[in-house]
Amino acid sequence: MTPSNTTSPGTMPSGMTTSIRRAGPQDLDALTVLFDAYRRFYGQPADLARARDWLRTRMRFGESVVLIAERGGVAAGFTQLYPMFSSVRTARTWILNDLFVADDARRAGVARALLDAAAQYARDDGAAGISLETSDDNAPARALYRAAGWHEDATQWYSLALTPPL
């Protein structure tokens, strides 16, 4: 399958089941297209080479776990998990950093299936928890997370953007 076919309109008939599995090197072409679309959704310029290199490096060195969703043998979405650790709980945790579903596979339960699979992966790994972050104005995502049993924490995250020294 060529990358251009992985998210073409009309490839995801309704009523099709979604399968989720851990992605491997054989999925890199399909994931690259999805990951590049995900980055573009967040205002980044299209850059397939950069997307491929990022995914390949994370997967090669075990720096992330990527779960891929397929419908009818076609890549429909993915989620990427990064390991973290809680000093207070003295346990591993996971952060669900990326979740994306191709346009033609939306509203078919793919995002929910990916969320559930990510949670199960963390459970099977013996993790103490899994977390994610989204913006306050992302009402559809927040509704999905609540429906999947996720809770909005009362804590407030802070961030500090670091720029390379001149």
C-alpha atoms as a PDB file:
ATOM      1  CA  MET A   1       0.000   0.000   0.000  1.00  0.00           C
ATOM      2  CA  THR A   2       1.349   3.427  -0.854  1.00  0.00           C
ATOM      3  CA  PRO A   3       1.135   6.251   1.687  1.00  0.00           C
ATOM      4  CA  SER A   4      -1.275   8.172  -0.539  1.00  0.00           C
ATOM      5  CA  ASN A   5      -3.813   5.362  -0.221  1.00  0.00           C
ATOM      6  CA  THR A   6      -3.773   5.170   3.571  1.00  0.00           C
ATOM      7  CA  THR A   7      -6.173   8.046   4.115  1.00  0.00           C
ATOM      8  CA  SER A   8      -7.938   8.477   0.806  1.00  0.00           C
ATOM      9  CA  PRO A   9     -11.636   9.423   0.964  1.00  0.00           C
ATOM     10  CA  GLY A  10     -14.090   6.605   0.683  1.00  0.00           C
ATOM     11  CA  THR A  11     -11.778   3.844   1.907  1.00  0.00           C
ATOM     12  CA  MET A  12     -13.538   3.386   5.245  1.00  0.00           C
ATOM     13  CA  PRO A  13     -17.024   1.891   4.744  1.00  0.00           C
ATOM     14  CA  SER A  14     -19.406   2.285   7.658  1.00  0.00           C
ATOM     15  CA  GLY A  15     -19.962  -0.793   9.793  1.00  0.00           C
ATOM     16  CA  MET A  16     -16.330  -1.844   9.431  1.00  0.00           C
ATOM     17  CA  THR A  17     -14.590  -3.031  12.585  1.00  0.00           C
ATOM     18  CA  THR A  18     -11.539  -1.329  13.992  1.00  0.00           C
ATOM     19  CA  SER A  19      -8.486  -3.316  15.002  1.00  0.00           C
ATOM     20  CA  ILE A  20      -5.725  -1.897  17.188  1.00  0.00           C
ATOM     21  CA  ARG A  21      -2.210  -3.254  17.525  1.00  0.00           C
ATOM     22  CA  ARG A  22       1.251  -2.090  18.413  1.00  0.00           C
ATOM     23  CA  ALA A  23       2.920  -0.615  15.369  1.00  0.00           C
ATOM     24  CA  GLY A  24       6.189  -1.954  14.039  1.00  0.00           C
ATOM     25  CA  PRO A  25       8.656  -1.021  11.305  1.00  0.00           C
ATOM     26  CA  GLN A  26       6.301  -2.420   8.652  1.00  0.00           C
ATOM     27  CA  ASP A  27       3.805   0.332   9.566  1.00  0.00           C
ATOM     28  CA  LEU A  28       6.189   3.243   9.116  1.00  0.00           C
ATOM     29  CA  ASP A  29       4.878   4.346   5.693  1.00  0.00           C
ATOM     30  CA  ALA A  30       1.242   4.475   6.810  1.00  0.00           C
ATOM     31  CA  LEU A  31       2.122   6.058  10.159  1.00  0.00           C
ATOM     32  CA  THR A  32       4.227   8.733   8.475  1.00  0.00           C
ATOM     33  CA  VAL A  33       1.222   9.971   6.506  1.00  0.00           C
ATOM     34  CA  LEU A  34      -0.984   9.999   9.619  1.00  0.00           C
ATOM     35  CA  PHE A  35       1.678  11.639  11.798  1.00  0.00           C
ATOM     36  CA  ASP A  36       2.308  14.343   9.211  1.00  0.00           C
ATOM     37  CA  ALA A  37      -1.453  15.042   9.044  1.00  0.00           C
ATOM     38  CA  TYR A  38      -1.539  15.193  12.853  1.00  0.00           C
ATOM     39  CA  ARG A  39       1.283  17.747  12.901  1.00  0.00           C
ATOM     40  CA  ARG A  40      -0.420  19.807  10.174  1.00  0.00           C
ATOM     41  CA  PHE A  41      -3.623  19.786  12.273  1.00  0.00           C
ATOM     42  CA  TYR A  42      -1.578  21.592  14.930  1.00  0.00           C
ATOM     43  CA  GLY A  43      -0.258  24.201  12.505  1.00  0.00           C
ATOM     44  CA  GLN A  44       3.058  22.622  11.539  1.00  0.00           C
ATOM     45  CA  PRO A  45       4.178  22.616   7.916  1.00  0.00           C
ATOM     46  CA  ALA A  46       3.934  19.378   5.961  1.00  0.00           C
ATOM     47  CA  ASP A  47       7.195  17.462   6.213  1.00  0.00           C
ATOM     48  CA  LEU A  48       6.947  13.743   5.532  1.00  0.00           C
ATOM     49  CA  ALA A  49      10.692  13.198   5.924  1.00  0.00           C
ATOM     50  CA  ARG A  50      10.677  14.800   9.363  1.00  0.00           C
ATOM     51  CA  ALA A  51       7.583  12.846  10.416  1.00  0.00           C
ATOM     52  CA  ARG A  52       9.120   9.559   9.271  1.00  0.00           C
ATOM     53  CA  ASP A  53      12.450  10.246  10.958  1.00  0.00           C
ATOM     54  CA  TRP A  54      10.746  11.181  14.249  1.00  0.00           C
ATOM     55  CA  LEU A  55       8.622   8.037  14.333  1.00  0.00           C
ATOM     56  CA  ARG A  56      11.414   5.743  13.180  1.00  0.00           C
ATOM     57  CA  THR A  57      13.789   7.060  15.843  1.00  0.00           C
ATOM     58  CA  ARG A  58      11.241   6.838  18.675  1.00  0.00           C
ATOM     59  CA  MET A  59      10.277   3.304  17.704  1.00  0.00           C
ATOM     60  CA  ARG A  60      13.835   2.100  17.008  1.00  0.00           C
ATOM     61  CA  PHE A  61      15.145   3.184  20.405  1.00  0.00           C
ATOM     62  CA  GLY A  62      12.025   2.218  22.371  1.00  0.00           C
ATOM     63  CA  GLU A  63      11.351   5.836  23.314  1.00  0.00           C
ATOM     64  CA  SER A  64       7.652   5.537  22.562  1.00  0.00           C
ATOM     65  CA  VAL A  65       4.940   3.005  21.917  1.00  0.00           C
ATOM     66  CA  VAL A  66       2.765   3.615  18.880  1.00  0.00           C
ATOM     67  CA  LEU A  67      -0.594   1.903  18.578  1.00  0.00           C
ATOM     68  CA  ILE A  68      -2.123   1.855  15.109  1.00  0.00           C
ATOM     69  CA  ALA A  69      -5.815   1.549  14.285  1.00  0.00           C
ATOM     70  CA  GLU A  70      -6.852  -0.189  11.086  1.00  0.00           C
ATOM     71  CA  ARG A  71     -10.194  -0.499   9.365  1.00  0.00           C
ATOM     72  CA  GLY A  72     -10.349  -2.934   6.499  1.00  0.00           C
ATOM     73  CA  GLY A  73      -6.565  -3.233   6.486  1.00  0.00           C
ATOM     74  CA  VAL A  74      -6.156   0.538   6.053  1.00  0.00           C
ATOM     75  CA  ALA A  75      -4.424   2.714   8.652  1.00  0.00           C
ATOM     76  CA  ALA A  76      -7.160   4.842  10.217  1.00  0.00           C
ATOM     77  CA  GLY A  77      -5.431   6.438  13.215  1.00  0.00           C
ATOM     78  CA  PHE A  78      -2.748   6.143  15.839  1.00  0.00           C
ATOM     79  CA  THR A  79      -1.796   7.065  19.344  1.00  0.00           C
ATOM     80  CA  GLN A  80       1.716   7.536  20.677  1.00  0.00           C
ATOM     81  CA  LEU A  81       2.598   6.877  24.301  1.00  0.00           C
ATOM     82  CA  TYR A  82       5.727   8.052  26.069  1.00  0.00           C
ATOM     83  CA  PRO A  83       6.980   6.524  29.322  1.00  0.00           C
ATOM     84  CA  MET A  84       7.170   8.692  32.419  1.00  0.00           C
ATOM     85  CA  PHE A  85       7.783   7.997  36.071  1.00  0.00           C
ATOM     86  CA  SER A  86       6.091   9.170  39.240  1.00  0.00           C
ATOM     87  CA  SER A  87       8.457   9.764  42.133  1.00  0.00           C
ATOM     88  CA  VAL A  88       5.586  10.059  44.601  1.00  0.00           C
ATOM     89  CA  ARG A  89       4.073   6.742  43.524  1.00  0.00           C
ATOM     90  CA  THR A  90       7.491   5.241  42.715  1.00  0.00           C
ATOM     91  CA  ALA A  91       5.964   3.801  39.581  1.00  0.00           C
ATOM     92  CA  ARG A  92       5.957   4.053  35.822  1.00  0.00           C
ATOM     93  CA  THR A  93       3.241   6.108  34.208  1.00  0.00           C
ATOM     94  CA  TRP A  94       2.497   6.792  30.556  1.00  0.00           C
ATOM     95  CA  ILE A  95       1.587   9.986  28.781  1.00  0.00           C
ATOM     96  CA  LEU A  96      -0.713   9.708  25.811  1.00  0.00           C
ATOM     97  CA  ASN A  97       0.918  12.470  23.813  1.00  0.00           C
ATOM     98  CA  ASP A  98      -0.573  12.002  20.347  1.00  0.00           C
ATOM     99  CA  LEU A  99      -3.972  10.802  19.179  1.00  0.00           C
ATOM    100  CA  PHE A 100      -5.092  11.209  15.588  1.00  0.00           C
ATOM    101  CA  VAL A 101      -7.792   9.727  13.378  1.00  0.00           C
ATOM    102  CA  ALA A 102      -7.884  10.156   9.586  1.00  0.00           C
ATOM    103  CA  ASP A 103     -10.713  12.371   8.358  1.00  0.00           C
ATOM    104  CA  ASP A 104     -12.551   9.529   6.634  1.00  0.00           C
ATOM    105  CA  ALA A 105     -12.448   7.348   9.759  1.00  0.00           C
ATOM    106  CA  ARG A 106     -13.796   9.904  12.237  1.00  0.00           C
ATOM    107  CA  ARG A 107     -17.018   9.315  14.107  1.00  0.00           C
ATOM    108  CA  ALA A 108     -16.588   5.569  13.696  1.00  0.00           C
ATOM    109  CA  GLY A 109     -15.254   4.777  17.169  1.00  0.00           C
ATOM    110  CA  VAL A 110     -11.587   4.785  16.166  1.00  0.00           C
ATOM    111  CA  ALA A 111     -10.491   7.409  18.706  1.00  0.00           C
ATOM    112  CA  ARG A 112     -12.333   5.599  21.499  1.00  0.00           C
ATOM    113  CA  ALA A 113     -10.776   2.281  20.477  1.00  0.00           C
ATOM    114  CA  LEU A 114      -7.323   3.886  20.551  1.00  0.00           C
ATOM    115  CA  LEU A 115      -7.968   5.398  23.999  1.00  0.00           C
ATOM    116  CA  ASP A 116      -9.139   2.054  25.356  1.00  0.00           C
ATOM    117  CA  ALA A 117      -6.162   0.235  23.826  1.00  0.00           C
ATOM    118  CA  ALA A 118      -3.738   2.786  25.291  1.00  0.00           C
ATOM    119  CA  ALA A 119      -5.259   2.356  28.742  1.00  0.00           C
ATOM    120  CA  GLN A 120      -5.059  -1.427  28.415  1.00  0.00           C
ATOM    121  CA  TYR A 121      -1.435  -1.210  27.301  1.00  0.00           C
ATOM    122  CA  ALA A 122      -0.600   0.857  30.398  1.00  0.00           C
ATOM    123  CA  ARG A 123      -2.466  -1.605  32.639  1.00  0.00           C
ATOM    124  CA  ASP A 124      -0.686  -4.581  31.087  1.00  0.00           C
ATOM    125  CA  ASP A 125       2.629  -2.770  31.602  1.00  0.00           C
ATOM    126  CA  GLY A 126       1.854  -2.444  35.322  1.00  0.00           C
ATOM    127  CA  ALA A 127       1.771   1.353  35.146  1.00  0.00           C
ATOM    128  CA  ALA A 128       0.257   3.386  37.963  1.00  0.00           C
ATOM    129  CA  GLY A 129      -1.573   5.630  35.517  1.00  0.00           C
ATOM    130  CA  ILE A 130      -1.864   7.210  32.126  1.00  0.00           C
ATOM    131  CA  SER A 131      -2.447  10.876  31.401  1.00  0.00           C
ATOM    132  CA  LEU A 132      -3.053  13.231  28.536  1.00  0.00           C
ATOM    133  CA  GLU A 133      -3.443  16.946  28.027  1.00  0.00           C
ATOM    134  CA  THR A 134      -5.753  18.888  25.741  1.00  0.00           C
ATOM    135  CA  SER A 135      -6.822  22.505  25.514  1.00  0.00           C
ATOM    136  CA  ASP A 136      -9.841  23.826  27.380  1.00  0.00           C
ATOM    137  CA  ASP A 137     -11.557  24.760  24.118  1.00  0.00           C
ATOM    138  CA  ASN A 138     -11.329  21.266  22.591  1.00  0.00           C
ATOM    139  CA  ALA A 139     -14.883  20.292  23.561  1.00  0.00           C
ATOM    140  CA  PRO A 140     -15.184  17.217  21.284  1.00  0.00           C
ATOM    141  CA  ALA A 141     -11.978  15.690  22.621  1.00  0.00           C
ATOM    142  CA  ARG A 142     -12.871  16.468  26.226  1.00  0.00           C
ATOM    143  CA  ALA A 143     -16.282  14.845  25.762  1.00  0.00           C
ATOM    144  CA  LEU A 144     -14.633  11.764  24.275  1.00  0.00           C
ATOM    145  CA  TYR A 145     -12.171  11.486  27.152  1.00  0.00           C
ATOM    146  CA  ARG A 146     -14.927  11.788  29.762  1.00  0.00           C
ATOM    147  CA  ALA A 147     -17.056   9.207  27.934  1.00  0.00           C
ATOM    148  CA  ALA A 148     -14.078   6.831  27.960  1.00  0.00           C
ATOM    149  CA  GLY A 149     -13.785   7.155  31.760  1.00  0.00           C
ATOM    150  CA  TRP A 150     -10.935   9.671  31.915  1.00  0.00           C
ATOM    151  CA  HIS A 151     -11.130  12.356  34.610  1.00  0.00           C
ATOM    152  CA  GLU A 152     -10.233  16.006  34.403  1.00  0.00           C
ATOM    153  CA  ASP A 153      -7.702  16.631  37.134  1.00  0.00           C
ATOM    154  CA  ALA A 154      -7.793  19.693  39.335  1.00  0.00           C
ATOM    155  CA  THR A 155      -4.083  20.311  38.810  1.00  0.00           C
ATOM    156  CA  GLN A 156      -2.768  22.937  36.443  1.00  0.00           C
ATOM    157  CA  TRP A 157       0.099  22.206  34.109  1.00  0.00           C
ATOM    158  CA  TYR A 158       2.644  24.916  33.443  1.00  0.00           C
ATOM    159  CA  SER A 159       5.102  25.066  30.601  1.00  0.00           C
ATOM    160  CA  LEU A 160       8.240  26.930  29.710  1.00  0.00           C
ATOM    161  CA  ALA A 161       9.286  27.048  26.082  1.00  0.00           C
ATOM    162  CA  LEU A 162      13.025  26.684  25.698  1.00  0.00           C
ATOM    163  CA  THR A 163      14.800  28.138  22.730  1.00  0.00           C
ATOM    164  CA  PRO A 164      18.289  27.166  21.676  1.00  0.00           C
ATOM    165  CA  PRO A 165      21.002  29.614  22.759  1.00  0.00           C
ATOM    166  CA  LEU A 166      22.106  32.059  20.088  1.00  0.00           C
END
